[in-house]
Amino acid sequence: MTDETYHKCMTCRLCRHSGDVWECVPDGRATEPASSCGRYRPGCCEACASYSDGKCSLTGNEVYDLDVCQFYDPSCPV
């Protein structure tokens, strides 16, 4: 069975929301929870809130922004 939220803004760490207002941070544009875009990269460090300046705050390791995290679980909501 396919997860209906897969590839949607509601599961993207690059989207921020406050109440009903959603924003795609890199594009600086309004979006909606069920929208999607080409920036969606499931599991990659670039899309993770624990990634900052080439470092993972969970592990303390240096990582490349397009690396895919070993802790990524597609079944978990963000």
PDB file of N, CA and C in Angstrom:
ATOM      1  N   MET A   1       0.841  -1.181   0.000  1.00  0.00           N
ATOM      2  CA  MET A   1       0.000   0.000   0.000  1.00  0.00           C
ATOM      3  C   MET A   1       0.886   1.244   0.000  1.00  0.00           C
ATOM      4  N   THR A   2       0.573   2.220  -0.833  1.00  0.00           N
ATOM      5  CA  THR A   2       1.357   3.430  -0.971  1.00  0.00           C
ATOM      6  C   THR A   2       0.949   4.475   0.057  1.00  0.00           C
ATOM      7  N   ASP A   3       1.942   5.153   0.623  1.00  0.00           N
ATOM      8  CA  ASP A   3       1.686   6.230   1.572  1.00  0.00           C
ATOM      9  C   ASP A   3       1.254   7.467   0.786  1.00  0.00           C
ATOM     10  N   GLU A   4       0.073   7.972   1.066  1.00  0.00           N
ATOM     11  CA  GLU A   4      -0.462   9.118   0.311  1.00  0.00           C
ATOM     12  C   GLU A   4       0.297  10.408   0.568  1.00  0.00           C
ATOM     13  N   THR A   5       1.059  10.499   1.663  1.00  0.00           N
ATOM     14  CA  THR A   5       1.805  11.719   1.961  1.00  0.00           C
ATOM     15  C   THR A   5       3.168  11.739   1.289  1.00  0.00           C
ATOM     16  N   TYR A   6       3.568  10.623   0.680  1.00  0.00           N
ATOM     17  CA  TYR A   6       4.890  10.551   0.048  1.00  0.00           C
ATOM     18  C   TYR A   6       5.056  11.621  -1.018  1.00  0.00           C
ATOM     19  N   HIS A   7       6.197  12.274  -0.976  1.00  0.00           N
ATOM     20  CA  HIS A   7       6.554  13.303  -1.962  1.00  0.00           C
ATOM     21  C   HIS A   7       5.683  14.562  -1.844  1.00  0.00           C
ATOM     22  N   LYS A   8       5.147  14.819  -0.660  1.00  0.00           N
ATOM     23  CA  LYS A   8       4.314  16.009  -0.452  1.00  0.00           C
ATOM     24  C   LYS A   8       5.045  16.985   0.471  1.00  0.00           C
ATOM     25  N   CYS A   9       4.674  18.258   0.383  1.00  0.00           N
ATOM     26  CA  CYS A   9       5.295  19.283   1.220  1.00  0.00           C
ATOM     27  C   CYS A   9       5.164  18.971   2.709  1.00  0.00           C
ATOM     28  N   MET A  10       4.106  18.288   3.091  1.00  0.00           N
ATOM     29  CA  MET A  10       3.908  17.977   4.509  1.00  0.00           C
ATOM     30  C   MET A  10       4.976  17.039   5.062  1.00  0.00           C
ATOM     31  N   THR A  11       5.736  16.373   4.163  1.00  0.00           N
ATOM     32  CA  THR A  11       6.804  15.489   4.624  1.00  0.00           C
ATOM     33  C   THR A  11       8.182  16.032   4.273  1.00  0.00           C
ATOM     34  N   CYS A  12       8.248  17.261   3.801  1.00  0.00           N
ATOM     35  CA  CYS A  12       9.514  17.857   3.372  1.00  0.00           C
ATOM     36  C   CYS A  12      10.055  18.789   4.450  1.00  0.00           C
ATOM     37  N   ARG A  13      11.310  18.588   4.837  1.00  0.00           N
ATOM     38  CA  ARG A  13      11.910  19.439   5.868  1.00  0.00           C
ATOM     39  C   ARG A  13      12.290  20.805   5.328  1.00  0.00           C
ATOM     40  N   LEU A  14      12.155  21.026   4.038  1.00  0.00           N
ATOM     41  CA  LEU A  14      12.428  22.335   3.464  1.00  0.00           C
ATOM     42  C   LEU A  14      11.192  23.223   3.503  1.00  0.00           C
ATOM     43  N   CYS A  15      10.067  22.681   3.938  1.00  0.00           N
ATOM     44  CA  CYS A  15       8.830  23.458   4.067  1.00  0.00           C
ATOM     45  C   CYS A  15       8.582  23.776   5.536  1.00  0.00           C
ATOM     46  N   ARG A  16       8.155  24.989   5.806  1.00  0.00           N
ATOM     47  CA  ARG A  16       7.833  25.406   7.173  1.00  0.00           C
ATOM     48  C   ARG A  16       6.373  25.829   7.203  1.00  0.00           C
ATOM     49  N   HIS A  17       5.738  25.650   8.348  1.00  0.00           N
ATOM     50  CA  HIS A  17       4.351  26.094   8.424  1.00  0.00           C
ATOM     51  C   HIS A  17       4.017  26.608   9.810  1.00  0.00           C
ATOM     52  N   SER A  18       3.054  27.495   9.831  1.00  0.00           N
ATOM     53  CA  SER A  18       2.502  28.030  11.071  1.00  0.00           C
ATOM     54  C   SER A  18       0.999  28.076  10.864  1.00  0.00           C
ATOM     55  N   GLY A  19       0.282  27.176  11.528  1.00  0.00           N
ATOM     56  CA  GLY A  19      -1.157  27.078  11.298  1.00  0.00           C
ATOM     57  C   GLY A  19      -1.426  26.619   9.880  1.00  0.00           C
ATOM     58  N   ASP A  20      -2.207  27.406   9.148  1.00  0.00           N
ATOM     59  CA  ASP A  20      -2.554  27.058   7.767  1.00  0.00           C
ATOM     60  C   ASP A  20      -1.606  27.671   6.733  1.00  0.00           C
ATOM     61  N   VAL A  21      -0.608  28.426   7.173  1.00  0.00           N
ATOM     62  CA  VAL A  21       0.313  29.090   6.249  1.00  0.00           C
ATOM     63  C   VAL A  21       1.558  28.221   6.062  1.00  0.00           C
ATOM     64  N   TRP A  22       1.788  27.789   4.818  1.00  0.00           N
ATOM     65  CA  TRP A  22       2.931  26.943   4.473  1.00  0.00           C
ATOM     66  C   TRP A  22       3.863  27.707   3.550  1.00  0.00           C
ATOM     67  N   GLU A  23       5.181  27.494   3.733  1.00  0.00           N
ATOM     68  CA  GLU A  23       6.162  28.177   2.899  1.00  0.00           C
ATOM     69  C   GLU A  23       7.292  27.228   2.536  1.00  0.00           C
ATOM     70  N   CYS A  24       7.673  27.257   1.258  1.00  0.00           N
ATOM     71  CA  CYS A  24       8.852  26.530   0.787  1.00  0.00           C
ATOM     72  C   CYS A  24      10.037  27.458   1.047  1.00  0.00           C
ATOM     73  N   VAL A  25      10.883  27.123   2.001  1.00  0.00           N
ATOM     74  CA  VAL A  25      11.949  28.025   2.432  1.00  0.00           C
ATOM     75  C   VAL A  25      12.950  28.334   1.315  1.00  0.00           C
ATOM     76  N   PRO A  26      13.510  27.336   0.607  1.00  0.00           N
ATOM     77  CA  PRO A  26      14.492  27.675  -0.440  1.00  0.00           C
ATOM     78  C   PRO A  26      13.910  28.522  -1.573  1.00  0.00           C
ATOM     79  N   ASP A  27      12.662  28.288  -1.932  1.00  0.00           N
ATOM     80  CA  ASP A  27      12.035  29.052  -3.020  1.00  0.00           C
ATOM     81  C   ASP A  27      11.408  30.342  -2.534  1.00  0.00           C
ATOM     82  N   GLY A  28      11.177  30.473  -1.223  1.00  0.00           N
ATOM     83  CA  GLY A  28      10.544  31.668  -0.676  1.00  0.00           C
ATOM     84  C   GLY A  28       9.141  31.874  -1.213  1.00  0.00           C
ATOM     85  N   ARG A  29       8.425  30.770  -1.387  1.00  0.00           N
ATOM     86  CA  ARG A  29       7.071  30.884  -1.943  1.00  0.00           C
ATOM     87  C   ARG A  29       6.063  30.158  -1.069  1.00  0.00           C
ATOM     88  N   ALA A  30       4.841  30.606  -1.148  1.00  0.00           N
ATOM     89  CA  ALA A  30       3.758  29.938  -0.423  1.00  0.00           C
ATOM     90  C   ALA A  30       3.488  28.589  -1.075  1.00  0.00           C
ATOM     91  N   THR A  31       3.133  27.631  -0.262  1.00  0.00           N
ATOM     92  CA  THR A  31       2.806  26.306  -0.773  1.00  0.00           C
ATOM     93  C   THR A  31       1.668  25.725   0.057  1.00  0.00           C
ATOM     94  N   GLU A  32       1.332  24.478  -0.196  1.00  0.00           N
ATOM     95  CA  GLU A  32       0.255  23.805   0.528  1.00  0.00           C
ATOM     96  C   GLU A  32       0.742  22.437   0.967  1.00  0.00           C
ATOM     97  N   PRO A  33       0.159  21.869   2.029  1.00  0.00           N
ATOM     98  CA  PRO A  33       0.636  20.578   2.538  1.00  0.00           C
ATOM     99  C   PRO A  33       0.648  19.453   1.502  1.00  0.00           C
ATOM    100  N   ALA A  34      -0.314  19.456   0.593  1.00  0.00           N
ATOM    101  CA  ALA A  34      -0.397  18.373  -0.386  1.00  0.00           C
ATOM    102  C   ALA A  34       0.360  18.685  -1.675  1.00  0.00           C
ATOM    103  N   SER A  35       1.023  19.845  -1.729  1.00  0.00           N
ATOM    104  CA  SER A  35       1.818  20.198  -2.910  1.00  0.00           C
ATOM    105  C   SER A  35       3.124  19.422  -2.905  1.00  0.00           C
ATOM    106  N   SER A  36       3.839  19.486  -4.007  1.00  0.00           N
ATOM    107  CA  SER A  36       5.138  18.849  -4.108  1.00  0.00           C
ATOM    108  C   SER A  36       6.021  19.673  -5.029  1.00  0.00           C
ATOM    109  N   CYS A  37       7.338  19.412  -4.978  1.00  0.00           N
ATOM    110  CA  CYS A  37       8.233  20.146  -5.874  1.00  0.00           C
ATOM    111  C   CYS A  37       9.480  19.326  -6.138  1.00  0.00           C
ATOM    112  N   GLY A  38      10.305  19.786  -7.065  1.00  0.00           N
ATOM    113  CA  GLY A  38      11.518  19.077  -7.453  1.00  0.00           C
ATOM    114  C   GLY A  38      12.596  19.087  -6.396  1.00  0.00           C
ATOM    115  N   ARG A  39      12.444  19.896  -5.365  1.00  0.00           N
ATOM    116  CA  ARG A  39      13.444  19.950  -4.298  1.00  0.00           C
ATOM    117  C   ARG A  39      13.292  18.795  -3.310  1.00  0.00           C
ATOM    118  N   TYR A  40      12.208  18.046  -3.412  1.00  0.00           N
ATOM    119  CA  TYR A  40      11.965  16.956  -2.468  1.00  0.00           C
ATOM    120  C   TYR A  40      12.989  15.851  -2.675  1.00  0.00           C
ATOM    121  N   ARG A  41      13.820  15.631  -1.678  1.00  0.00           N
ATOM    122  CA  ARG A  41      14.830  14.578  -1.743  1.00  0.00           C
ATOM    123  C   ARG A  41      14.733  13.761  -0.464  1.00  0.00           C
ATOM    124  N   PRO A  42      13.952  12.720  -0.447  1.00  0.00           N
ATOM    125  CA  PRO A  42      13.726  11.981   0.792  1.00  0.00           C
ATOM    126  C   PRO A  42      15.007  11.425   1.403  1.00  0.00           C
ATOM    127  N   GLY A  43      15.184  11.719   2.676  1.00  0.00           N
ATOM    128  CA  GLY A  43      16.303  11.161   3.412  1.00  0.00           C
ATOM    129  C   GLY A  43      17.632  11.857   3.245  1.00  0.00           C
ATOM    130  N   CYS A  44      17.716  12.877   2.370  1.00  0.00           N
ATOM    131  CA  CYS A  44      19.020  13.495   2.159  1.00  0.00           C
ATOM    132  C   CYS A  44      19.306  14.535   3.238  1.00  0.00           C
ATOM    133  N   CYS A  45      20.571  14.714   3.526  1.00  0.00           N
ATOM    134  CA  CYS A  45      20.986  15.621   4.591  1.00  0.00           C
ATOM    135  C   CYS A  45      20.531  17.055   4.338  1.00  0.00           C
ATOM    136  N   GLU A  46      20.538  17.486   3.091  1.00  0.00           N
ATOM    137  CA  GLU A  46      20.113  18.839   2.751  1.00  0.00           C
ATOM    138  C   GLU A  46      18.696  19.123   3.242  1.00  0.00           C
ATOM    139  N   ALA A  47      17.843  18.108   3.257  1.00  0.00           N
ATOM    140  CA  ALA A  47      16.448  18.280   3.639  1.00  0.00           C
ATOM    141  C   ALA A  47      16.203  17.957   5.109  1.00  0.00           C
ATOM    142  N   CYS A  48      17.283  17.849   5.905  1.00  0.00           N
ATOM    143  CA  CYS A  48      17.137  17.446   7.304  1.00  0.00           C
ATOM    144  C   CYS A  48      17.401  18.617   8.246  1.00  0.00           C
ATOM    145  N   ALA A  49      16.577  18.757   9.259  1.00  0.00           N
ATOM    146  CA  ALA A  49      16.729  19.844  10.233  1.00  0.00           C
ATOM    147  C   ALA A  49      17.988  19.661  11.089  1.00  0.00           C
ATOM    148  N   SER A  50      18.567  18.468  11.110  1.00  0.00           N
ATOM    149  CA  SER A  50      19.770  18.216  11.906  1.00  0.00           C
ATOM    150  C   SER A  50      21.053  18.498  11.129  1.00  0.00           C
ATOM    151  N   TYR A  51      20.936  18.917   9.881  1.00  0.00           N
ATOM    152  CA  TYR A  51      22.104  19.212   9.046  1.00  0.00           C
ATOM    153  C   TYR A  51      22.387  20.708   9.064  1.00  0.00           C
ATOM    154  N   SER A  52      23.637  21.071   9.339  1.00  0.00           N
ATOM    155  CA  SER A  52      24.011  22.481   9.338  1.00  0.00           C
ATOM    156  C   SER A  52      25.489  22.629   9.001  1.00  0.00           C
ATOM    157  N   ASP A  53      25.772  23.414   7.981  1.00  0.00           N
ATOM    158  CA  ASP A  53      27.153  23.720   7.581  1.00  0.00           C
ATOM    159  C   ASP A  53      28.035  22.485   7.435  1.00  0.00           C
ATOM    160  N   GLY A  54      27.511  21.457   6.771  1.00  0.00           N
ATOM    161  CA  GLY A  54      28.303  20.263   6.491  1.00  0.00           C
ATOM    162  C   GLY A  54      28.443  19.294   7.642  1.00  0.00           C
ATOM    163  N   LYS A  55      27.663  19.505   8.696  1.00  0.00           N
ATOM    164  CA  LYS A  55      27.774  18.641   9.870  1.00  0.00           C
ATOM    165  C   LYS A  55      26.402  18.158  10.318  1.00  0.00           C
ATOM    166  N   CYS A  56      26.351  16.897  10.774  1.00  0.00           N
ATOM    167  CA  CYS A  56      25.124  16.321  11.303  1.00  0.00           C
ATOM    168  C   CYS A  56      25.127  16.502  12.823  1.00  0.00           C
ATOM    169  N   SER A  57      24.117  17.182  13.351  1.00  0.00           N
ATOM    170  CA  SER A  57      24.075  17.410  14.804  1.00  0.00           C
ATOM    171  C   SER A  57      23.673  16.145  15.571  1.00  0.00           C
ATOM    172  N   LEU A  58      23.112  15.154  14.876  1.00  0.00           N
ATOM    173  CA  LEU A  58      22.757  13.896  15.541  1.00  0.00           C
ATOM    174  C   LEU A  58      23.990  13.033  15.811  1.00  0.00           C
ATOM    175  N   THR A  59      24.880  12.963  14.818  1.00  0.00           N
ATOM    176  CA  THR A  59      26.051  12.094  14.936  1.00  0.00           C
ATOM    177  C   THR A  59      27.344  12.862  15.185  1.00  0.00           C
ATOM    178  N   GLY A  60      27.352  14.153  14.845  1.00  0.00           N
ATOM    179  CA  GLY A  60      28.570  14.948  14.943  1.00  0.00           C
ATOM    180  C   GLY A  60      29.498  14.752  13.759  1.00  0.00           C
ATOM    181  N   ASN A  61      29.098  13.939  12.784  1.00  0.00           N
ATOM    182  CA  ASN A  61      29.936  13.637  11.624  1.00  0.00           C
ATOM    183  C   ASN A  61      29.832  14.715  10.552  1.00  0.00           C
ATOM    184  N   GLU A  62      30.919  14.874   9.798  1.00  0.00           N
ATOM    185  CA  GLU A  62      30.901  15.713   8.604  1.00  0.00           C
ATOM    186  C   GLU A  62      30.128  14.937   7.532  1.00  0.00           C
ATOM    187  N   VAL A  63      29.190  15.598   6.859  1.00  0.00           N
ATOM    188  CA  VAL A  63      28.398  14.935   5.820  1.00  0.00           C
ATOM    189  C   VAL A  63      28.252  15.848   4.616  1.00  0.00           C
ATOM    190  N   TYR A  64      28.029  15.231   3.467  1.00  0.00           N
ATOM    191  CA  TYR A  64      27.761  15.957   2.231  1.00  0.00           C
ATOM    192  C   TYR A  64      26.263  16.211   2.171  1.00  0.00           C
ATOM    193  N   ASP A  65      25.848  17.375   1.677  1.00  0.00           N
ATOM    194  CA  ASP A  65      24.424  17.738   1.716  1.00  0.00           C
ATOM    195  C   ASP A  65      23.518  16.786   0.950  1.00  0.00           C
ATOM    196  N   LEU A  66      24.028  16.041  -0.023  1.00  0.00           N
ATOM    197  CA  LEU A  66      23.185  15.098  -0.764  1.00  0.00           C
ATOM    198  C   LEU A  66      23.332  13.659  -0.278  1.00  0.00           C
ATOM    199  N   ASP A  67      24.088  13.449   0.812  1.00  0.00           N
ATOM    200  CA  ASP A  67      24.140  12.115   1.423  1.00  0.00           C
ATOM    201  C   ASP A  67      22.745  11.729   1.911  1.00  0.00           C
ATOM    202  N   VAL A  68      22.460  10.437   1.931  1.00  0.00           N
ATOM    203  CA  VAL A  68      21.194   9.956   2.469  1.00  0.00           C
ATOM    204  C   VAL A  68      21.460   9.379   3.852  1.00  0.00           C
ATOM    205  N   CYS A  69      20.682   9.828   4.824  1.00  0.00           N
ATOM    206  CA  CYS A  69      20.906   9.479   6.223  1.00  0.00           C
ATOM    207  C   CYS A  69      20.543   8.034   6.518  1.00  0.00           C
ATOM    208  N   GLN A  70      21.378   7.400   7.335  1.00  0.00           N
ATOM    209  CA  GLN A  70      21.102   6.017   7.740  1.00  0.00           C
ATOM    210  C   GLN A  70      19.902   5.933   8.678  1.00  0.00           C
ATOM    211  N   PHE A  71      19.528   7.046   9.293  1.00  0.00           N
ATOM    212  CA  PHE A  71      18.399   7.058  10.219  1.00  0.00           C
ATOM    213  C   PHE A  71      17.076   7.390   9.534  1.00  0.00           C
ATOM    214  N   TYR A  72      17.124   7.676   8.228  1.00  0.00           N
ATOM    215  CA  TYR A  72      15.906   8.071   7.508  1.00  0.00           C
ATOM    216  C   TYR A  72      14.880   6.946   7.493  1.00  0.00           C
ATOM    217  N   ASP A  73      13.670   7.269   7.918  1.00  0.00           N
ATOM    218  CA  ASP A  73      12.577   6.304   7.912  1.00  0.00           C
ATOM    219  C   ASP A  73      11.402   6.933   7.151  1.00  0.00           C
ATOM    220  N   PRO A  74      11.142   6.506   5.926  1.00  0.00           N
ATOM    221  CA  PRO A  74      10.076   7.140   5.122  1.00  0.00           C
ATOM    222  C   PRO A  74       8.691   6.969   5.708  1.00  0.00           C
ATOM    223  N   SER A  75       8.516   6.085   6.666  1.00  0.00           N
ATOM    224  CA  SER A  75       7.195   5.892   7.235  1.00  0.00           C
ATOM    225  C   SER A  75       6.913   6.887   8.368  1.00  0.00           C
ATOM    226  N   CYS A  76       7.931   7.603   8.810  1.00  0.00           N
ATOM    227  CA  CYS A  76       7.750   8.561   9.906  1.00  0.00           C
ATOM    228  C   CYS A  76       7.452   9.956   9.371  1.00  0.00           C
ATOM    229  N   PRO A  77       6.420  10.603   9.905  1.00  0.00           N
ATOM    230  CA  PRO A  77       6.164  11.982   9.500  1.00  0.00           C
ATOM    231  C   PRO A  77       7.234  12.886  10.100  1.00  0.00           C
ATOM    232  N   VAL A  78       7.461  13.982   9.472  1.00  0.00           N
ATOM    233  CA  VAL A  78       8.499  14.905   9.932  1.00  0.00           C
ATOM    234  C   VAL A  78       7.963  15.782  11.044  1.00  0.00           C
TER     235      VAL A  78
END
